[in-house]
């Protein structure tokens, strides 16, 4: 196993970098989109429930099936994978963002409105700072989820660590299977521990 890593370090590094690149792009777009949707959802409880329900339905669809549905439109490759991952993240992020914002003490919100703050000012100056922990928890869960599902995205030629794992399964190469599995699991565990430490400091 160690011998394989020493003989093919470029393959492992390339796959890891592809995975990290996909993770970064997906998370940036996911957070921006989730923030916009959260602001829209805050305007009405009905809109909020509809959004959460719609994304929960999408989240319940197995990722290979969702990949297959999009392939005729966006083709095989990273683009399809990122669209699916962003869609999945909306359920995790939106649910946590909404929960965090709604958990703010109503008396604090009423006091802020009472001194003349607009709804948007209350959202950004009161609700948002007081719900940082819940927001960050949502981001952490989305990151770990994205790392795992990005591994499956190798099924549609999206690259990343999943390509090593799938290539190992196809050729019955135990070393590739082990390295693909260990790197994927290690990245998810490492990212989770790192974000937990950052969350504690925040």
N, C-alpha and C. Protein backbone atom coordinates (compact mmCIF):
# COMPACT_ATOMS: atom_id res chain seq x y z
N UNK A 1 0.83 -1.21 0.00
CA UNK A 1 0.00 0.00 0.00
C UNK A 1 0.87 1.26 0.00
N UNK A 2 1.87 1.29 0.89
CA UNK A 2 2.80 2.41 0.93
C UNK A 2 3.59 2.49 -0.37
N UNK A 3 3.93 1.31 -0.89
CA UNK A 3 4.69 1.24 -2.14
C UNK A 3 3.91 1.87 -3.29
N UNK A 4 2.59 1.64 -3.31
CA UNK A 4 1.75 2.22 -4.37
C UNK A 4 1.76 3.74 -4.29
N UNK A 5 1.67 4.27 -3.08
CA UNK A 5 1.68 5.72 -2.90
C UNK A 5 3.02 6.32 -3.32
N UNK A 6 4.11 5.61 -3.04
CA UNK A 6 5.44 6.11 -3.42
C UNK A 6 5.66 6.04 -4.92
N UNK A 7 5.05 5.03 -5.56
CA UNK A 7 5.22 4.86 -7.00
C UNK A 7 4.28 5.73 -7.83
N UNK A 8 3.13 6.11 -7.24
CA UNK A 8 2.13 6.90 -7.98
C UNK A 8 1.64 8.11 -7.17
N UNK A 9 2.53 8.93 -6.65
CA UNK A 9 2.08 10.07 -5.85
C UNK A 9 1.29 11.09 -6.66
N UNK A 10 1.63 11.23 -7.96
CA UNK A 10 0.96 12.22 -8.80
C UNK A 10 -0.52 11.89 -8.97
N UNK A 11 -0.87 10.59 -9.03
CA UNK A 11 -2.26 10.20 -9.18
C UNK A 11 -3.07 10.55 -7.94
N UNK A 12 -2.48 10.28 -6.78
CA UNK A 12 -3.17 10.57 -5.52
C UNK A 12 -3.33 12.07 -5.32
N UNK A 13 -2.26 12.84 -5.60
CA UNK A 13 -2.33 14.30 -5.42
C UNK A 13 -3.31 14.93 -6.40
N UNK A 14 -3.30 14.46 -7.64
CA UNK A 14 -4.21 15.00 -8.65
C UNK A 14 -5.66 14.78 -8.24
N UNK A 15 -5.97 13.56 -7.79
CA UNK A 15 -7.34 13.24 -7.36
C UNK A 15 -7.74 14.08 -6.15
N UNK A 16 -6.82 14.24 -5.19
CA UNK A 16 -7.11 15.02 -3.99
C UNK A 16 -7.36 16.48 -4.34
N UNK A 17 -6.55 17.04 -5.21
CA UNK A 17 -6.72 18.44 -5.61
C UNK A 17 -8.02 18.64 -6.38
N UNK A 18 -8.38 17.68 -7.22
CA UNK A 18 -9.66 17.76 -7.94
C UNK A 18 -10.83 17.75 -6.96
N UNK A 19 -10.71 16.91 -5.94
CA UNK A 19 -11.76 16.81 -4.92
C UNK A 19 -11.89 18.13 -4.16
N UNK A 20 -10.75 18.69 -3.76
CA UNK A 20 -10.77 19.95 -3.01
C UNK A 20 -11.29 21.10 -3.87
N UNK A 21 -10.92 21.10 -5.14
CA UNK A 21 -11.40 22.15 -6.05
C UNK A 21 -12.92 22.09 -6.21
N UNK A 22 -13.43 20.87 -6.39
CA UNK A 22 -14.88 20.71 -6.50
C UNK A 22 -15.58 21.13 -5.22
N UNK A 23 -14.99 20.75 -4.08
CA UNK A 23 -15.56 21.12 -2.78
C UNK A 23 -15.63 22.63 -2.62
N UNK A 24 -14.55 23.33 -2.97
CA UNK A 24 -14.50 24.78 -2.81
C UNK A 24 -15.54 25.48 -3.68
N UNK A 25 -15.61 25.09 -4.95
CA UNK A 25 -16.57 25.71 -5.86
C UNK A 25 -18.00 25.46 -5.42
N UNK A 26 -18.29 24.21 -5.07
CA UNK A 26 -19.65 23.83 -4.65
C UNK A 26 -20.06 24.58 -3.39
N UNK A 27 -19.17 24.67 -2.40
CA UNK A 27 -19.53 25.32 -1.14
C UNK A 27 -19.72 26.83 -1.30
N UNK A 28 -18.88 27.47 -2.10
CA UNK A 28 -19.03 28.92 -2.31
C UNK A 28 -20.39 29.23 -2.94
N UNK A 29 -20.71 28.50 -4.01
CA UNK A 29 -21.99 28.73 -4.69
C UNK A 29 -23.15 28.34 -3.78
N UNK A 30 -23.01 27.24 -3.07
CA UNK A 30 -24.08 26.76 -2.19
C UNK A 30 -24.41 27.76 -1.10
N UNK A 31 -23.39 28.33 -0.47
CA UNK A 31 -23.61 29.28 0.63
C UNK A 31 -24.25 30.56 0.11
N UNK A 32 -23.78 31.05 -1.04
CA UNK A 32 -24.37 32.27 -1.61
C UNK A 32 -25.83 32.04 -1.96
N UNK A 33 -26.12 30.92 -2.62
CA UNK A 33 -27.50 30.61 -3.01
C UNK A 33 -28.39 30.40 -1.79
N UNK A 34 -27.87 29.69 -0.79
CA UNK A 34 -28.65 29.44 0.43
C UNK A 34 -28.94 30.73 1.18
N UNK A 35 -27.99 31.67 1.17
CA UNK A 35 -28.20 32.97 1.83
C UNK A 35 -29.33 33.74 1.14
N UNK A 36 -29.32 33.72 -0.19
CA UNK A 36 -30.39 34.41 -0.95
C UNK A 36 -31.74 33.76 -0.68
N UNK A 37 -31.78 32.44 -0.70
CA UNK A 37 -33.04 31.73 -0.46
C UNK A 37 -33.53 31.94 0.97
N UNK A 38 -32.60 32.02 1.91
CA UNK A 38 -32.98 32.24 3.31
C UNK A 38 -33.62 33.61 3.50
N UNK A 39 -33.03 34.61 2.87
CA UNK A 39 -33.60 35.96 2.95
C UNK A 39 -35.01 35.97 2.35
N UNK A 40 -35.18 35.27 1.23
CA UNK A 40 -36.50 35.19 0.60
C UNK A 40 -37.49 34.43 1.50
N UNK A 41 -37.01 33.37 2.14
CA UNK A 41 -37.88 32.56 2.99
C UNK A 41 -38.30 33.29 4.25
N UNK A 42 -37.47 34.22 4.72
CA UNK A 42 -37.79 34.97 5.94
C UNK A 42 -38.99 35.88 5.76
N UNK A 43 -39.37 36.12 4.51
CA UNK A 43 -40.49 37.03 4.26
C UNK A 43 -41.84 36.38 4.56
N UNK A 44 -41.87 35.05 4.56
CA UNK A 44 -43.15 34.36 4.77
C UNK A 44 -42.91 32.94 5.26
N UNK A 45 -43.71 32.52 6.25
CA UNK A 45 -43.61 31.15 6.75
C UNK A 45 -44.02 30.14 5.68
N UNK A 46 -44.98 30.54 4.84
CA UNK A 46 -45.44 29.66 3.77
C UNK A 46 -44.33 29.41 2.76
N UNK A 47 -43.65 30.49 2.37
CA UNK A 47 -42.53 30.37 1.43
C UNK A 47 -41.43 29.51 2.04
N UNK A 48 -41.17 29.71 3.32
CA UNK A 48 -40.14 28.94 4.02
C UNK A 48 -40.46 27.45 4.00
N UNK A 49 -41.69 27.09 4.32
CA UNK A 49 -42.09 25.68 4.35
C UNK A 49 -42.02 25.05 2.97
N UNK A 50 -42.44 25.81 1.95
CA UNK A 50 -42.41 25.29 0.58
C UNK A 50 -40.97 25.01 0.14
N UNK A 51 -40.07 25.96 0.44
CA UNK A 51 -38.66 25.79 0.06
C UNK A 51 -38.05 24.57 0.74
N UNK A 52 -38.25 24.47 2.05
CA UNK A 52 -37.67 23.35 2.79
C UNK A 52 -38.23 22.03 2.29
N UNK A 53 -39.53 22.00 2.00
CA UNK A 53 -40.16 20.77 1.50
C UNK A 53 -39.60 20.38 0.14
N UNK A 54 -39.49 21.35 -0.77
CA UNK A 54 -38.99 21.07 -2.12
C UNK A 54 -37.56 20.53 -2.08
N UNK A 55 -36.71 21.16 -1.28
CA UNK A 55 -35.33 20.71 -1.21
C UNK A 55 -35.20 19.39 -0.44
N UNK A 56 -36.13 19.13 0.48
CA UNK A 56 -36.10 17.84 1.17
C UNK A 56 -36.46 16.70 0.20
N UNK A 57 -37.35 16.99 -0.75
CA UNK A 57 -37.70 16.00 -1.77
C UNK A 57 -36.48 15.72 -2.65
N UNK A 58 -35.78 16.78 -3.06
CA UNK A 58 -34.57 16.61 -3.87
C UNK A 58 -33.52 15.82 -3.09
N UNK A 59 -33.38 16.15 -1.79
CA UNK A 59 -32.37 15.49 -0.96
C UNK A 59 -32.66 14.00 -0.80
N UNK A 60 -33.94 13.63 -0.90
CA UNK A 60 -34.31 12.22 -0.71
C UNK A 60 -34.02 11.38 -1.94
N UNK A 61 -33.75 12.03 -3.08
CA UNK A 61 -33.45 11.29 -4.31
C UNK A 61 -32.01 10.79 -4.25
N UNK A 62 -31.75 9.51 -4.48
CA UNK A 62 -30.36 9.01 -4.48
C UNK A 62 -29.52 9.76 -5.50
N UNK A 63 -28.28 10.07 -5.12
CA UNK A 63 -27.44 10.87 -5.99
C UNK A 63 -27.20 10.26 -7.37
N UNK A 64 -26.98 8.93 -7.50
CA UNK A 64 -26.82 8.38 -8.85
C UNK A 64 -28.04 8.63 -9.74
N UNK A 65 -29.24 8.56 -9.14
CA UNK A 65 -30.46 8.80 -9.92
C UNK A 65 -30.54 10.26 -10.37
N UNK A 66 -30.14 11.17 -9.50
CA UNK A 66 -30.18 12.59 -9.86
C UNK A 66 -29.11 12.91 -10.90
N UNK A 67 -27.95 12.26 -10.79
CA UNK A 67 -26.92 12.41 -11.83
C UNK A 67 -27.48 11.98 -13.17
N UNK A 68 -28.17 10.83 -13.18
CA UNK A 68 -28.72 10.27 -14.43
C UNK A 68 -29.77 11.20 -15.04
N UNK A 69 -30.56 11.84 -14.19
CA UNK A 69 -31.60 12.75 -14.70
C UNK A 69 -31.00 13.98 -15.37
N UNK A 70 -29.84 14.42 -14.88
CA UNK A 70 -29.23 15.64 -15.42
C UNK A 70 -28.30 15.40 -16.60
N UNK A 71 -27.81 14.18 -16.74
CA UNK A 71 -26.85 13.89 -17.81
C UNK A 71 -27.36 14.28 -19.20
N UNK A 72 -28.64 14.01 -19.54
CA UNK A 72 -29.11 14.42 -20.87
C UNK A 72 -29.08 15.94 -21.09
N UNK A 73 -29.10 16.70 -20.00
CA UNK A 73 -29.13 18.17 -20.10
C UNK A 73 -27.73 18.77 -20.01
N UNK A 74 -26.97 18.35 -19.00
CA UNK A 74 -25.65 18.97 -18.76
C UNK A 74 -24.48 18.06 -19.12
N UNK A 75 -24.77 16.82 -19.50
CA UNK A 75 -23.70 15.93 -19.93
C UNK A 75 -22.97 15.26 -18.78
N UNK A 76 -21.97 14.45 -19.13
CA UNK A 76 -21.17 13.75 -18.13
C UNK A 76 -19.96 14.61 -17.76
N UNK A 77 -19.69 14.73 -16.47
CA UNK A 77 -18.53 15.50 -16.04
C UNK A 77 -18.77 16.30 -14.77
N UNK A 78 -17.82 17.14 -14.40
CA UNK A 78 -17.90 17.90 -13.15
C UNK A 78 -19.10 18.84 -13.05
N UNK A 79 -19.54 19.41 -14.19
CA UNK A 79 -20.65 20.35 -14.15
C UNK A 79 -21.91 19.71 -13.58
N UNK A 80 -22.25 18.54 -14.07
CA UNK A 80 -23.43 17.83 -13.57
C UNK A 80 -23.27 17.50 -12.09
N UNK A 81 -22.09 17.06 -11.71
CA UNK A 81 -21.83 16.71 -10.32
C UNK A 81 -22.02 17.93 -9.41
N UNK A 82 -21.48 19.07 -9.82
CA UNK A 82 -21.58 20.27 -8.97
C UNK A 82 -23.01 20.77 -8.85
N UNK A 83 -23.78 20.68 -9.93
CA UNK A 83 -25.19 21.09 -9.86
C UNK A 83 -25.94 20.25 -8.84
N UNK A 84 -25.71 18.93 -8.88
CA UNK A 84 -26.38 18.03 -7.95
C UNK A 84 -25.94 18.31 -6.51
N UNK A 85 -24.66 18.48 -6.30
CA UNK A 85 -24.14 18.74 -4.95
C UNK A 85 -24.67 20.06 -4.40
N UNK A 86 -24.75 21.07 -5.24
CA UNK A 86 -25.30 22.37 -4.80
C UNK A 86 -26.77 22.22 -4.42
N UNK A 87 -27.51 21.46 -5.22
CA UNK A 87 -28.93 21.24 -4.92
C UNK A 87 -29.10 20.50 -3.60
N UNK A 88 -28.28 19.47 -3.36
CA UNK A 88 -28.34 18.74 -2.09
C UNK A 88 -28.02 19.66 -0.91
N UNK A 89 -27.02 20.50 -1.08
CA UNK A 89 -26.59 21.38 0.02
C UNK A 89 -27.67 22.37 0.44
N UNK A 90 -28.54 22.72 -0.48
CA UNK A 90 -29.57 23.72 -0.14
C UNK A 90 -30.47 23.25 0.99
N UNK A 91 -30.77 21.96 1.01
CA UNK A 91 -31.63 21.44 2.09
C UNK A 91 -30.91 21.55 3.43
N UNK A 92 -29.66 21.13 3.47
CA UNK A 92 -28.89 21.17 4.72
C UNK A 92 -28.69 22.61 5.19
N UNK A 93 -28.27 23.47 4.27
CA UNK A 93 -27.97 24.86 4.64
C UNK A 93 -29.23 25.63 4.97
N UNK A 94 -30.24 25.52 4.12
CA UNK A 94 -31.48 26.29 4.34
C UNK A 94 -32.15 25.90 5.65
N UNK A 95 -32.19 24.61 5.94
CA UNK A 95 -32.82 24.15 7.18
C UNK A 95 -32.09 24.69 8.40
N UNK A 96 -30.76 24.64 8.38
CA UNK A 96 -29.99 25.14 9.52
C UNK A 96 -30.01 26.66 9.61
N UNK A 97 -29.94 27.33 8.47
CA UNK A 97 -30.00 28.79 8.47
C UNK A 97 -31.34 29.28 9.03
N UNK A 98 -32.43 28.66 8.57
CA UNK A 98 -33.76 29.06 9.03
C UNK A 98 -33.92 28.76 10.52
N UNK A 99 -33.45 27.58 10.95
CA UNK A 99 -33.57 27.21 12.36
C UNK A 99 -32.80 28.19 13.24
N UNK A 100 -31.60 28.55 12.82
CA UNK A 100 -30.79 29.48 13.60
C UNK A 100 -31.42 30.86 13.71
N UNK A 101 -31.94 31.36 12.61
CA UNK A 101 -32.54 32.69 12.61
C UNK A 101 -33.83 32.72 13.42
N UNK A 102 -34.59 31.64 13.39
CA UNK A 102 -35.87 31.60 14.12
C UNK A 102 -35.68 31.33 15.61
N UNK A 103 -34.50 30.85 15.99
CA UNK A 103 -34.25 30.56 17.41
C UNK A 103 -33.86 31.81 18.22
N UNK A 104 -33.64 32.91 17.53
CA UNK A 104 -33.32 34.15 18.23
C UNK A 104 -34.52 34.57 19.08
N UNK A 105 -34.26 34.98 20.30
CA UNK A 105 -35.31 35.37 21.24
C UNK A 105 -36.23 36.43 20.62
N UNK A 106 -37.54 36.13 20.51
CA UNK A 106 -38.49 37.08 19.90
C UNK A 106 -38.49 38.45 20.58
N UNK A 107 -38.21 38.48 21.89
CA UNK A 107 -38.22 39.76 22.60
C UNK A 107 -37.08 40.67 22.10
N UNK A 108 -35.96 40.05 21.73
CA UNK A 108 -34.84 40.82 21.20
C UNK A 108 -35.21 41.40 19.83
N UNK A 109 -35.87 40.58 19.02
CA UNK A 109 -36.30 41.02 17.69
C UNK A 109 -37.32 42.16 17.82
N UNK A 110 -38.25 42.01 18.77
CA UNK A 110 -39.26 43.05 18.99
C UNK A 110 -38.61 44.34 19.47
N UNK A 111 -37.62 44.23 20.33
CA UNK A 111 -36.93 45.41 20.84
C UNK A 111 -36.19 46.13 19.70
N UNK A 112 -35.57 45.34 18.82
CA UNK A 112 -34.86 45.93 17.68
C UNK A 112 -35.83 46.64 16.75
N UNK A 113 -36.99 46.02 16.50
CA UNK A 113 -37.99 46.66 15.65
C UNK A 113 -38.57 47.90 16.33
N UNK A 114 -38.64 47.84 17.67
CA UNK A 114 -39.20 48.96 18.42
C UNK A 114 -38.34 50.21 18.37
N UNK A 115 -37.05 50.07 18.15
CA UNK A 115 -36.18 51.25 18.08
C UNK A 115 -36.04 51.76 16.64
N UNK A 116 -36.86 51.17 15.76
CA UNK A 116 -36.90 51.71 14.41
C UNK A 116 -36.12 50.97 13.34
N UNK A 117 -35.58 49.80 13.66
CA UNK A 117 -34.84 49.05 12.65
C UNK A 117 -35.80 48.41 11.65
N UNK A 118 -35.43 48.41 10.39
CA UNK A 118 -36.26 47.77 9.36
C UNK A 118 -36.09 46.26 9.47
N UNK A 119 -36.90 45.53 8.70
CA UNK A 119 -36.83 44.07 8.74
C UNK A 119 -35.44 43.57 8.32
N UNK A 120 -34.88 44.17 7.28
CA UNK A 120 -33.57 43.76 6.80
C UNK A 120 -32.47 44.12 7.81
N UNK A 121 -32.62 45.27 8.47
CA UNK A 121 -31.65 45.67 9.49
C UNK A 121 -31.71 44.71 10.68
N UNK A 122 -32.91 44.29 11.05
CA UNK A 122 -33.07 43.33 12.14
C UNK A 122 -32.40 42.01 11.75
N UNK A 123 -32.58 41.61 10.49
CA UNK A 123 -32.01 40.35 10.01
C UNK A 123 -30.48 40.38 10.07
N UNK A 124 -29.89 41.44 9.53
CA UNK A 124 -28.43 41.48 9.41
C UNK A 124 -27.73 41.95 10.69
N UNK A 125 -28.39 42.82 11.47
CA UNK A 125 -27.74 43.39 12.65
C UNK A 125 -28.10 42.67 13.95
N UNK A 126 -29.18 41.92 13.94
CA UNK A 126 -29.62 41.26 15.18
C UNK A 126 -29.67 39.73 15.02
N UNK A 127 -30.51 39.26 14.11
CA UNK A 127 -30.70 37.82 13.97
C UNK A 127 -29.41 37.11 13.54
N UNK A 128 -28.74 37.65 12.53
CA UNK A 128 -27.56 36.99 11.98
C UNK A 128 -26.43 36.84 13.00
N UNK A 129 -26.04 37.90 13.71
CA UNK A 129 -24.96 37.73 14.70
C UNK A 129 -25.31 36.75 15.83
N UNK A 130 -26.61 36.68 16.18
CA UNK A 130 -27.02 35.82 17.29
C UNK A 130 -27.23 34.37 16.88
N UNK A 131 -27.18 34.09 15.59
CA UNK A 131 -27.40 32.71 15.12
C UNK A 131 -26.17 32.15 14.41
N UNK A 132 -25.01 32.73 14.69
CA UNK A 132 -23.77 32.32 14.02
C UNK A 132 -23.47 30.84 14.21
N UNK A 133 -23.70 30.32 15.41
CA UNK A 133 -23.38 28.91 15.70
C UNK A 133 -24.20 27.97 14.81
N UNK A 134 -25.49 28.22 14.71
CA UNK A 134 -26.35 27.37 13.88
C UNK A 134 -25.98 27.48 12.41
N UNK A 135 -25.65 28.67 11.97
CA UNK A 135 -25.25 28.88 10.57
C UNK A 135 -23.98 28.10 10.26
N UNK A 136 -23.02 28.17 11.17
CA UNK A 136 -21.74 27.49 10.95
C UNK A 136 -21.92 25.98 11.01
N UNK A 137 -22.81 25.50 11.86
CA UNK A 137 -23.10 24.07 11.93
C UNK A 137 -23.64 23.58 10.59
N UNK A 138 -24.52 24.37 9.99
CA UNK A 138 -25.06 24.02 8.69
C UNK A 138 -23.97 23.93 7.63
N UNK A 139 -23.04 24.88 7.66
CA UNK A 139 -21.92 24.87 6.71
C UNK A 139 -21.06 23.63 6.93
N UNK A 140 -20.79 23.30 8.18
CA UNK A 140 -19.94 22.13 8.49
C UNK A 140 -20.59 20.85 7.98
N UNK A 141 -21.88 20.68 8.22
CA UNK A 141 -22.58 19.49 7.75
C UNK A 141 -22.58 19.41 6.22
N UNK A 142 -22.74 20.57 5.58
CA UNK A 142 -22.74 20.60 4.12
C UNK A 142 -21.38 20.23 3.55
N UNK A 143 -20.32 20.68 4.21
CA UNK A 143 -18.96 20.36 3.75
C UNK A 143 -18.71 18.86 3.81
N UNK A 144 -19.03 18.25 4.94
CA UNK A 144 -18.82 16.80 5.11
C UNK A 144 -19.68 16.02 4.12
N UNK A 145 -20.92 16.45 3.95
CA UNK A 145 -21.82 15.78 3.00
C UNK A 145 -21.30 15.89 1.57
N UNK A 146 -20.80 17.07 1.23
CA UNK A 146 -20.28 17.29 -0.12
C UNK A 146 -19.07 16.42 -0.40
N UNK A 147 -18.18 16.29 0.57
CA UNK A 147 -16.99 15.44 0.39
C UNK A 147 -17.40 14.00 0.10
N UNK A 148 -18.38 13.51 0.82
CA UNK A 148 -18.83 12.14 0.62
C UNK A 148 -19.51 11.94 -0.73
N UNK A 149 -20.43 12.83 -1.08
CA UNK A 149 -21.16 12.67 -2.34
C UNK A 149 -20.29 12.98 -3.55
N UNK A 150 -19.27 13.82 -3.38
CA UNK A 150 -18.35 14.10 -4.49
C UNK A 150 -17.58 12.85 -4.86
N UNK A 151 -17.39 11.95 -3.91
CA UNK A 151 -16.73 10.67 -4.19
C UNK A 151 -17.59 9.84 -5.14
N UNK A 152 -18.90 9.85 -4.91
CA UNK A 152 -19.82 9.10 -5.77
C UNK A 152 -19.87 9.72 -7.17
N UNK A 153 -19.61 11.02 -7.25
CA UNK A 153 -19.68 11.73 -8.54
C UNK A 153 -18.67 11.21 -9.55
N UNK A 154 -17.71 10.44 -9.10
CA UNK A 154 -16.75 9.84 -10.03
C UNK A 154 -17.45 8.88 -10.99
N UNK A 155 -18.66 8.44 -10.64
CA UNK A 155 -19.44 7.57 -11.52
C UNK A 155 -19.74 8.24 -12.85
N UNK A 156 -19.82 9.57 -12.86
CA UNK A 156 -20.12 10.31 -14.09
C UNK A 156 -18.88 11.07 -14.58
N UNK A 157 -17.72 10.55 -14.24
CA UNK A 157 -16.45 11.11 -14.73
C UNK A 157 -16.21 12.54 -14.23
N UNK A 158 -16.54 12.76 -12.96
CA UNK A 158 -16.33 14.09 -12.36
C UNK A 158 -14.95 14.22 -11.73
N UNK A 159 -14.18 13.14 -11.69
CA UNK A 159 -12.86 13.19 -11.10
C UNK A 159 -12.89 13.11 -9.58
N UNK A 160 -11.81 13.51 -8.96
CA UNK A 160 -11.74 13.48 -7.51
C UNK A 160 -11.27 12.13 -6.98
N UNK A 161 -11.37 11.99 -5.67
CA UNK A 161 -10.89 10.76 -5.01
C UNK A 161 -11.71 9.54 -5.40
N UNK A 162 -12.95 9.77 -5.77
CA UNK A 162 -13.79 8.64 -6.17
C UNK A 162 -13.28 7.94 -7.40
N UNK A 163 -12.52 8.65 -8.25
CA UNK A 163 -11.99 8.04 -9.47
C UNK A 163 -10.98 6.94 -9.13
N UNK A 164 -10.19 7.17 -8.07
CA UNK A 164 -9.24 6.15 -7.64
C UNK A 164 -9.97 4.93 -7.09
N UNK A 165 -10.97 5.19 -6.27
CA UNK A 165 -11.76 4.10 -5.67
C UNK A 165 -12.46 3.27 -6.74
N UNK A 166 -13.13 3.94 -7.68
CA UNK A 166 -13.87 3.23 -8.72
C UNK A 166 -12.94 2.48 -9.67
N UNK A 167 -11.79 3.11 -9.97
CA UNK A 167 -10.82 2.44 -10.82
C UNK A 167 -10.29 1.18 -10.13
N UNK A 168 -10.12 1.26 -8.82
CA UNK A 168 -9.68 0.10 -8.06
C UNK A 168 -10.72 -1.01 -8.06
N UNK A 169 -11.99 -0.63 -7.95
CA UNK A 169 -13.07 -1.63 -7.98
C UNK A 169 -13.18 -2.27 -9.36
N UNK A 170 -12.96 -1.46 -10.40
CA UNK A 170 -13.09 -1.97 -11.76
C UNK A 170 -11.95 -2.95 -12.09
N UNK A 171 -10.75 -2.65 -11.60
CA UNK A 171 -9.58 -3.48 -11.91
C UNK A 171 -9.23 -4.45 -10.78
N UNK A 172 -10.03 -4.42 -9.71
CA UNK A 172 -9.79 -5.26 -8.54
C UNK A 172 -8.41 -5.00 -7.94
N UNK A 173 -8.03 -3.73 -7.94
CA UNK A 173 -6.75 -3.31 -7.36
C UNK A 173 -7.00 -2.89 -5.91
N UNK A 174 -6.58 -3.71 -4.98
CA UNK A 174 -6.86 -3.47 -3.55
C UNK A 174 -6.23 -2.16 -3.07
N UNK A 175 -5.04 -1.84 -3.58
CA UNK A 175 -4.35 -0.63 -3.13
C UNK A 175 -5.11 0.63 -3.53
N UNK A 176 -5.64 0.64 -4.74
CA UNK A 176 -6.43 1.79 -5.18
C UNK A 176 -7.71 1.91 -4.36
N UNK A 177 -8.33 0.78 -4.09
CA UNK A 177 -9.56 0.79 -3.27
C UNK A 177 -9.27 1.36 -1.88
N UNK A 178 -8.19 0.89 -1.28
CA UNK A 178 -7.84 1.35 0.06
C UNK A 178 -7.48 2.83 0.07
N UNK A 179 -6.65 3.27 -0.87
CA UNK A 179 -6.26 4.67 -0.90
C UNK A 179 -7.44 5.59 -1.20
N UNK A 180 -8.29 5.18 -2.13
CA UNK A 180 -9.47 5.99 -2.43
C UNK A 180 -10.39 6.12 -1.23
N UNK A 181 -10.59 5.01 -0.52
CA UNK A 181 -11.46 5.01 0.66
C UNK A 181 -10.85 5.81 1.80
N UNK A 182 -9.55 5.57 2.08
CA UNK A 182 -8.89 6.24 3.19
C UNK A 182 -8.79 7.75 2.98
N UNK A 183 -8.45 8.15 1.76
CA UNK A 183 -8.32 9.59 1.50
C UNK A 183 -9.67 10.29 1.58
N UNK A 184 -10.72 9.66 1.07
CA UNK A 184 -12.06 10.25 1.14
C UNK A 184 -12.53 10.38 2.58
N UNK A 185 -12.38 9.28 3.33
CA UNK A 185 -12.79 9.29 4.74
C UNK A 185 -11.92 10.25 5.55
N UNK A 186 -10.62 10.24 5.29
CA UNK A 186 -9.71 11.14 6.02
C UNK A 186 -10.00 12.60 5.75
N UNK A 187 -10.32 12.92 4.49
CA UNK A 187 -10.65 14.31 4.16
C UNK A 187 -11.92 14.76 4.87
N UNK A 188 -12.92 13.89 4.90
CA UNK A 188 -14.18 14.23 5.57
C UNK A 188 -13.97 14.40 7.08
N UNK A 189 -13.24 13.47 7.69
CA UNK A 189 -12.99 13.55 9.13
C UNK A 189 -12.14 14.77 9.47
N UNK A 190 -11.10 15.00 8.67
CA UNK A 190 -10.22 16.15 8.91
C UNK A 190 -10.95 17.47 8.77
N UNK A 191 -11.77 17.59 7.72
CA UNK A 191 -12.54 18.82 7.51
C UNK A 191 -13.52 19.05 8.65
N UNK A 192 -14.15 17.97 9.11
CA UNK A 192 -15.12 18.09 10.21
C UNK A 192 -14.43 18.55 11.49
N UNK A 193 -13.29 17.95 11.82
CA UNK A 193 -12.56 18.34 13.04
C UNK A 193 -12.07 19.78 12.95
N UNK A 194 -11.57 20.17 11.78
CA UNK A 194 -11.08 21.54 11.59
C UNK A 194 -12.21 22.55 11.76
N UNK A 195 -13.35 22.26 11.15
CA UNK A 195 -14.48 23.20 11.24
C UNK A 195 -15.08 23.24 12.65
N UNK A 196 -15.01 22.12 13.37
CA UNK A 196 -15.47 22.12 14.77
C UNK A 196 -14.61 23.04 15.61
N UNK A 197 -13.29 23.00 15.40
CA UNK A 197 -12.38 23.89 16.13
C UNK A 197 -12.61 25.35 15.79
N UNK A 198 -12.84 25.62 14.51
CA UNK A 198 -13.13 27.01 14.09
C UNK A 198 -14.45 27.46 14.70
N UNK A 199 -15.44 26.55 14.71
CA UNK A 199 -16.75 26.87 15.28
C UNK A 199 -16.64 27.21 16.76
N UNK A 200 -15.81 26.48 17.48
CA UNK A 200 -15.63 26.74 18.92
C UNK A 200 -15.03 28.11 19.14
N UNK A 201 -14.05 28.47 18.29
CA UNK A 201 -13.42 29.79 18.43
C UNK A 201 -14.39 30.91 18.11
N UNK A 202 -15.23 30.68 17.09
CA UNK A 202 -16.22 31.69 16.74
C UNK A 202 -17.24 31.86 17.85
